Amino acid sequence: MMRQVPDQTRWGILGTARIVRRAFLPAVAEAGGVAAVVASRDGDRAVRWAHDNGVGRVAVGYQRLIEDPDVDALYIPLPNALHAEWTIKALQAGKPVLCEKPLTGSLAGTERVLAVARQTGTLLWEAFVFPFHDQMRRVRDLLAAGTIGELREIQSNYHFPLSSPGSNIRMSAELAGGALNDIGSYPVWLARHLFGAEHHTASASAIWDPGGVDVATWGYLGFPGGRKLLLSCGFRRAEDTFSRLLGTEGQIHLSNGFHPGATDRFEVWLPGRAPVTHPAAGPNQHSFTPAIQHIQAAIQGREAPRELAVDTSLGSARALADLAASAHERS
């Protein structure tokens, strides 16, 4: 018998990472979904967290949540090194998954997860939400219209100062942390998305902490036709999410191409003309909302699923692996 999907998607959340409260829960509420259950290995902590954040129930242990028949989809914001294990278990249980980026902390892990996704046919998304955002739709339309000519180069930054680095999981090599995995993955995904191609050359340099984690990385990816991405990411300077798209006839500047807020904008620069400024904000208040809306519609059969991990994630994993290898060779 085919399982009936309710009109309101019931989400289960594996863990209580900060991004759940800051980004995921507000988007689920705006998208009309329900944060139904949160799982933690610490039951008392989960009860307090669920109460404070308006989540209906608690599951002690991740497997119990995966097996819950009253959960329609799972969000996995666990440390990178745990993504593969729990995403595979969720896929094998037939639960659609939104897994935080990067999909896993290694190329081999990503290949393993994607093989299970193909085998089971269970829907899987990697949590790069900006392709669903109204800003990116408008930028793609400008590029398709030839507004800046042919897109030849992307320069993209993602930086923020890391608070309490000694206790932050981003600084754990064992948990597959580091700037490149955590935030360098955004410029990589952006370039692949806008170029519509995969890289063929990679080069990078990094600054490493004593534990072997990169705290800042600068890199280059070469794409067919002489196109390129220049990326910069790290945890050592002020917040910076600026990207520049350079074409044969002009440029597009984005103050935040990844999680645009109310004050963000993008500008079209053409020679001899004043820049034209566009607000980045779309119809939704939260940057995760358009992605959540689509995932829920896909689960309910109202939309054909798009930007699935089986179609989008392997190229990024290969690019990150090549950049990391180059950075290690130069260290």
Protein backbone atom coordinates (compact mmCIF):
# COMPACT_ATOMS: atom_id res chain seq x y z
CA MET A 1 0.00 0.00 0.00
CA MET A 2 1.35 3.44 -0.93
CA ARG A 3 2.15 5.58 2.11
CA GLN A 4 -0.10 8.64 2.26
CA VAL A 5 1.76 11.91 2.71
CA PRO A 6 -0.07 14.53 4.79
CA ASP A 7 -0.71 18.00 3.44
CA GLN A 8 1.62 19.47 6.07
CA THR A 9 5.13 18.00 6.00
CA ARG A 10 6.26 16.75 9.40
CA TRP A 11 10.00 17.25 9.85
CA GLY A 12 12.35 15.31 12.08
CA ILE A 13 15.62 16.96 13.10
CA LEU A 14 18.76 15.00 13.94
CA GLY A 15 20.53 17.08 16.57
CA THR A 16 20.32 20.57 18.01
CA ALA A 17 22.98 22.46 16.03
CA ARG A 18 22.79 26.24 16.08
CA ILE A 19 21.70 26.41 12.45
CA VAL A 20 18.48 24.59 13.34
CA ARG A 21 17.27 27.40 15.57
CA ARG A 22 18.78 30.20 13.51
CA ALA A 23 17.79 29.16 9.98
CA PHE A 24 15.86 25.91 9.66
CA LEU A 25 13.01 26.31 12.16
CA PRO A 26 11.98 29.82 11.02
CA ALA A 27 11.97 28.63 7.39
CA VAL A 28 9.87 25.54 8.15
CA ALA A 29 7.32 27.73 9.90
CA GLU A 30 7.26 30.21 7.00
CA ALA A 31 6.95 27.35 4.50
CA GLY A 32 3.96 25.87 6.32
CA GLY A 33 5.71 22.74 7.57
CA VAL A 34 5.88 21.32 11.09
CA ALA A 35 8.98 20.77 13.19
CA ALA A 36 7.56 17.58 14.67
CA VAL A 37 10.42 15.78 16.41
CA VAL A 38 14.00 16.50 17.44
CA ALA A 39 16.43 13.70 18.24
CA SER A 40 19.39 13.83 20.55
CA ARG A 41 21.54 11.31 22.38
CA ASP A 42 20.89 13.35 25.54
CA GLY A 43 17.20 13.07 26.35
CA ASP A 44 17.09 15.77 29.03
CA ARG A 45 18.85 18.24 26.77
CA ALA A 46 16.50 17.42 23.90
CA VAL A 47 13.43 17.98 26.08
CA ARG A 48 14.67 21.41 27.14
CA TRP A 49 15.64 22.32 23.59
CA ALA A 50 12.32 21.18 22.13
CA HIS A 51 10.40 23.18 24.72
CA ASP A 52 12.47 26.32 24.10
CA ASN A 53 12.15 26.06 20.30
CA GLY A 54 8.57 24.92 19.80
CA VAL A 55 9.32 21.39 18.57
CA GLY A 56 6.52 18.96 19.35
CA ARG A 57 8.27 15.77 20.46
CA VAL A 58 11.64 14.32 21.39
CA ALA A 59 13.33 11.09 20.27
CA VAL A 60 16.24 9.75 22.27
CA GLY A 61 18.67 8.52 19.65
CA TYR A 62 18.86 9.24 15.94
CA GLN A 63 17.75 5.79 14.81
CA ARG A 64 14.51 6.09 16.74
CA LEU A 65 13.70 9.30 14.87
CA ILE A 66 14.55 7.73 11.51
CA GLU A 67 12.10 4.91 12.23
CA ASP A 68 9.30 7.22 13.43
CA PRO A 69 6.26 6.61 11.17
CA ASP A 70 4.88 10.07 11.92
CA VAL A 71 7.85 11.87 10.35
CA ASP A 72 7.79 12.66 6.62
CA ALA A 73 11.26 14.18 6.07
CA LEU A 74 14.53 14.53 7.93
CA TYR A 75 16.94 17.43 8.37
CA ILE A 76 20.49 16.38 9.24
CA PRO A 77 22.65 19.22 10.66
CA LEU A 78 25.14 16.94 12.41
CA PRO A 79 28.93 17.45 12.22
CA ASN A 80 30.31 16.72 8.75
CA ALA A 81 31.91 13.42 9.75
CA LEU A 82 28.50 12.02 10.79
CA HIS A 83 26.60 13.00 7.65
CA ALA A 84 27.30 9.84 5.65
CA GLU A 85 26.33 7.35 8.34
CA TRP A 86 23.00 8.92 9.26
CA THR A 87 22.04 10.02 5.76
CA ILE A 88 22.52 6.48 4.50
CA LYS A 89 20.40 5.08 7.33
CA ALA A 90 17.66 7.61 6.59
CA LEU A 91 17.71 6.85 2.87
CA GLN A 92 17.52 3.12 3.51
CA ALA A 93 14.50 3.77 5.72
CA GLY A 94 12.83 5.61 2.83
CA LYS A 95 12.85 9.04 4.51
CA PRO A 96 13.55 12.07 2.27
CA VAL A 97 16.57 13.97 3.58
CA LEU A 98 17.86 17.53 3.60
CA CYS A 99 21.48 17.12 4.72
CA GLU A 100 23.60 20.07 5.71
CA LYS A 101 26.51 20.90 3.47
CA PRO A 102 28.93 19.46 2.67
CA LEU A 103 27.05 16.26 2.00
CA THR A 104 29.98 14.41 3.61
CA GLY A 105 33.50 15.33 4.62
CA SER A 106 35.17 13.35 1.82
CA LEU A 107 34.83 12.39 -1.82
CA ALA A 108 34.61 8.70 -0.94
CA GLY A 109 31.86 9.37 1.59
CA THR A 110 29.89 11.40 -0.92
CA GLU A 111 30.18 8.66 -3.54
CA ARG A 112 28.92 6.15 -0.98
CA VAL A 113 25.90 8.27 0.01
CA LEU A 114 24.94 9.01 -3.59
CA ALA A 115 25.14 5.32 -4.47
CA VAL A 116 22.58 4.59 -1.73
CA ALA A 117 20.38 7.46 -2.89
CA ARG A 118 20.34 6.04 -6.42
CA GLN A 119 19.77 2.51 -5.20
CA THR A 120 16.87 3.40 -2.91
CA GLY A 121 15.37 6.19 -5.02
CA THR A 122 14.81 8.20 -1.82
CA LEU A 123 14.90 11.97 -2.29
CA LEU A 124 18.06 13.65 -1.01
CA TRP A 125 19.08 17.30 -1.05
CA GLU A 126 22.35 18.92 0.06
CA ALA A 127 21.53 22.11 1.95
CA PHE A 128 22.72 24.69 -0.55
CA VAL A 129 19.52 26.71 -0.54
CA PHE A 130 20.53 29.72 -2.65
CA PRO A 131 19.68 28.12 -6.04
CA PHE A 132 16.02 28.19 -4.92
CA HIS A 133 16.13 31.84 -3.87
CA ASP A 134 14.45 34.55 -5.92
CA GLN A 135 17.73 36.50 -6.13
CA MET A 136 19.48 33.64 -7.92
CA ARG A 137 16.57 33.24 -10.33
CA ARG A 138 16.85 36.90 -11.29
CA VAL A 139 20.64 36.67 -11.66
CA ARG A 140 20.31 33.60 -13.89
CA ASP A 141 17.76 35.49 -16.01
CA LEU A 142 20.19 38.40 -16.44
CA LEU A 143 22.96 36.03 -17.47
CA ALA A 144 20.70 34.17 -19.89
CA ALA A 145 19.65 37.48 -21.45
CA GLY A 146 23.30 38.37 -22.10
CA THR A 147 23.14 41.46 -19.87
CA ILE A 148 26.86 41.20 -19.03
CA GLY A 149 27.81 39.23 -22.14
CA GLU A 150 29.42 35.85 -21.63
CA LEU A 151 30.22 34.94 -18.03
CA ARG A 152 33.98 34.39 -17.90
CA GLU A 153 35.05 34.62 -14.26
CA ILE A 154 33.56 34.38 -10.77
CA GLN A 155 35.26 35.86 -7.72
CA SER A 156 33.56 34.69 -4.56
CA ASN A 157 34.30 35.13 -0.85
CA TYR A 158 32.91 33.59 2.30
CA HIS A 159 34.49 34.69 5.58
CA PHE A 160 33.43 35.25 9.16
CA PRO A 161 35.33 35.42 12.47
CA LEU A 162 34.99 32.18 14.41
CA SER A 163 33.97 32.59 18.03
CA SER A 164 35.49 30.19 20.58
CA PRO A 165 37.59 28.32 18.01
CA GLY A 166 38.94 25.97 20.65
CA SER A 167 35.50 24.40 21.18
CA ASN A 168 33.97 24.87 17.74
CA ILE A 169 33.37 21.70 15.71
CA ARG A 170 34.49 23.59 12.59
CA MET A 171 38.02 23.35 13.96
CA SER A 172 37.97 19.58 14.42
CA ALA A 173 39.87 17.54 11.85
CA GLU A 174 38.26 14.40 13.27
CA LEU A 175 34.81 15.85 12.45
CA ALA A 176 35.89 16.93 8.92
CA GLY A 177 35.88 20.62 9.76
CA GLY A 178 37.83 23.47 8.21
CA ALA A 179 37.04 26.58 6.22
CA LEU A 180 37.07 24.91 2.80
CA ASN A 181 34.54 22.23 3.75
CA ASP A 182 32.36 24.55 5.79
CA ILE A 183 32.14 27.70 3.68
CA GLY A 184 34.49 27.31 0.69
CA SER A 185 31.93 24.85 -0.59
CA TYR A 186 29.57 27.77 -1.31
CA PRO A 187 31.69 29.49 -4.00
CA VAL A 188 32.41 26.07 -5.52
CA TRP A 189 28.70 25.30 -5.79
CA LEU A 190 27.97 28.81 -7.14
CA ALA A 191 30.52 28.47 -9.94
CA ARG A 192 29.33 25.03 -10.99
CA HIS A 193 25.73 26.23 -10.90
CA LEU A 194 26.30 29.34 -13.02
CA PHE A 195 28.86 27.87 -15.44
CA GLY A 196 26.79 24.72 -15.85
CA ALA A 197 29.99 22.69 -16.00
CA GLU A 198 32.57 20.84 -13.89
CA HIS A 199 36.12 21.98 -13.18
CA HIS A 200 39.16 20.45 -14.85
CA THR A 201 42.00 22.13 -12.90
CA ALA A 202 42.38 23.14 -9.27
CA SER A 203 44.92 24.99 -7.17
CA ALA A 204 44.80 26.22 -3.58
CA SER A 205 46.79 27.50 -0.63
CA ALA A 206 45.74 27.45 3.01
CA ILE A 207 46.64 28.53 6.52
CA TRP A 208 46.49 25.57 8.90
CA ASP A 209 45.91 25.46 12.62
CA PRO A 210 48.05 23.12 14.78
CA GLY A 211 45.34 20.46 14.66
CA GLY A 212 45.55 20.20 10.87
CA VAL A 213 42.41 22.16 9.98
CA ASP A 214 42.46 25.00 7.44
CA VAL A 215 41.42 28.30 9.01
CA ALA A 216 41.61 30.12 5.67
CA THR A 217 41.91 28.92 2.07
CA TRP A 218 42.35 30.64 -1.29
CA GLY A 219 41.73 28.68 -4.44
CA TYR A 220 41.32 28.52 -8.20
CA LEU A 221 39.13 26.24 -10.28
CA GLY A 222 39.46 26.14 -14.04
CA PHE A 223 36.38 25.36 -16.14
CA PRO A 224 36.00 24.55 -19.84
CA GLY A 225 36.44 27.44 -22.25
CA GLY A 226 38.95 29.30 -20.09
CA ARG A 227 36.38 30.21 -17.44
CA LYS A 228 37.47 30.29 -13.80
CA LEU A 229 36.50 30.62 -10.17
CA LEU A 230 38.68 32.51 -7.71
CA LEU A 231 37.54 31.74 -4.17
CA SER A 232 38.51 32.94 -0.71
CA CYS A 233 37.16 31.56 2.56
CA GLY A 234 38.11 31.54 6.20
CA PHE A 235 37.43 32.13 9.87
CA ARG A 236 39.90 34.96 10.51
CA ARG A 237 38.32 38.17 9.24
CA ALA A 238 35.09 40.11 9.25
CA GLU A 239 31.99 38.68 7.64
CA ASP A 240 32.27 38.77 3.85
CA THR A 241 29.89 37.06 1.44
CA PHE A 242 30.65 39.17 -1.64
CA SER A 243 30.67 37.61 -5.11
CA ARG A 244 31.52 39.23 -8.45
CA LEU A 245 30.38 37.77 -11.77
CA LEU A 246 32.55 39.07 -14.59
CA GLY A 247 31.36 38.91 -18.18
CA THR A 248 32.63 40.08 -21.55
CA GLU A 249 30.40 43.17 -21.38
CA GLY A 250 29.89 43.91 -17.69
CA GLN A 251 29.69 42.61 -14.14
CA ILE A 252 27.17 41.61 -11.50
CA HIS A 253 28.06 42.22 -7.84
CA LEU A 254 26.25 40.33 -5.07
CA SER A 255 26.59 41.41 -1.45
CA ASN A 256 25.40 37.97 -0.35
CA GLY A 257 24.72 35.34 -2.97
CA PHE A 258 24.21 32.55 -0.44
CA HIS A 259 21.88 33.68 2.36
CA PRO A 260 20.62 37.14 1.35
CA GLY A 261 18.85 39.21 3.96
CA ALA A 262 16.71 42.32 3.94
CA THR A 263 19.68 44.69 3.52
CA ASP A 264 21.44 42.72 0.77
CA ARG A 265 21.46 43.69 -2.90
CA PHE A 266 22.97 42.86 -6.24
CA GLU A 267 24.19 45.41 -8.78
CA VAL A 268 24.65 45.32 -12.54
CA TRP A 269 27.74 47.21 -13.70
CA LEU A 270 28.06 48.09 -17.40
CA PRO A 271 30.81 50.30 -18.87
CA GLY A 272 29.88 53.97 -19.07
CA ARG A 273 26.69 53.57 -17.05
CA ALA A 274 25.74 54.03 -13.43
CA PRO A 275 25.31 50.68 -11.64
CA VAL A 276 21.74 49.42 -11.38
CA THR A 277 20.90 48.13 -7.92
CA HIS A 278 18.37 45.38 -7.23
CA PRO A 279 17.19 44.28 -3.77
CA ALA A 280 18.25 40.73 -3.02
CA ALA A 281 15.20 39.98 -0.92
CA GLY A 282 12.45 37.93 -2.50
CA PRO A 283 8.96 37.10 -1.31
CA ASN A 284 10.24 35.09 1.69
CA GLN A 285 11.71 36.38 4.92
CA HIS A 286 14.17 33.53 5.50
CA SER A 287 16.79 32.25 3.06
CA PHE A 288 15.97 28.57 3.69
CA THR A 289 12.26 29.05 2.99
CA PRO A 290 12.19 28.66 -0.84
CA ALA A 291 14.16 25.41 -0.59
CA ILE A 292 11.90 24.07 2.16
CA GLN A 293 8.83 25.03 0.13
CA HIS A 294 10.15 23.11 -2.87
CA ILE A 295 11.17 20.04 -0.86
CA GLN A 296 7.75 19.86 0.75
CA ALA A 297 6.05 20.23 -2.62
CA ALA A 298 8.25 17.49 -4.07
CA ILE A 299 7.52 15.13 -1.17
CA GLN A 300 3.80 15.77 -1.58
CA GLY A 301 3.98 15.21 -5.35
CA ARG A 302 3.06 18.78 -6.28
CA GLU A 303 6.41 19.57 -7.94
CA ALA A 304 9.04 17.54 -9.75
CA PRO A 305 12.11 17.42 -7.51
CA ARG A 306 15.05 19.53 -8.64
CA GLU A 307 18.61 20.20 -7.43
CA LEU A 308 18.76 16.68 -6.01
CA ALA A 309 22.07 15.59 -4.54
CA VAL A 310 22.37 12.75 -7.05
CA ASP A 311 22.48 15.41 -9.78
CA THR A 312 24.49 18.15 -8.07
CA SER A 313 26.74 16.97 -5.23
CA LEU A 314 29.45 14.81 -6.78
CA GLY A 315 31.05 17.64 -8.77
CA SER A 316 31.41 19.77 -5.65
CA ALA A 317 32.89 16.88 -3.67
CA ARG A 318 35.48 16.33 -6.41
CA ALA A 319 36.33 20.04 -6.54
CA LEU A 320 36.73 20.28 -2.76
CA ALA A 321 38.93 17.17 -2.76
CA ASP A 322 41.14 18.59 -5.51
CA LEU A 323 41.43 21.98 -3.78
CA ALA A 324 42.28 20.33 -0.45
CA ALA A 325 44.92 18.11 -2.09
CA SER A 326 46.52 21.14 -3.74
CA ALA A 327 46.53 23.09 -0.46
CA HIS A 328 48.19 20.17 1.35
CA GLU A 329 50.84 19.87 -1.37
CA ARG A 330 51.72 23.55 -0.94
CA SER A 331 51.89 23.45 2.86
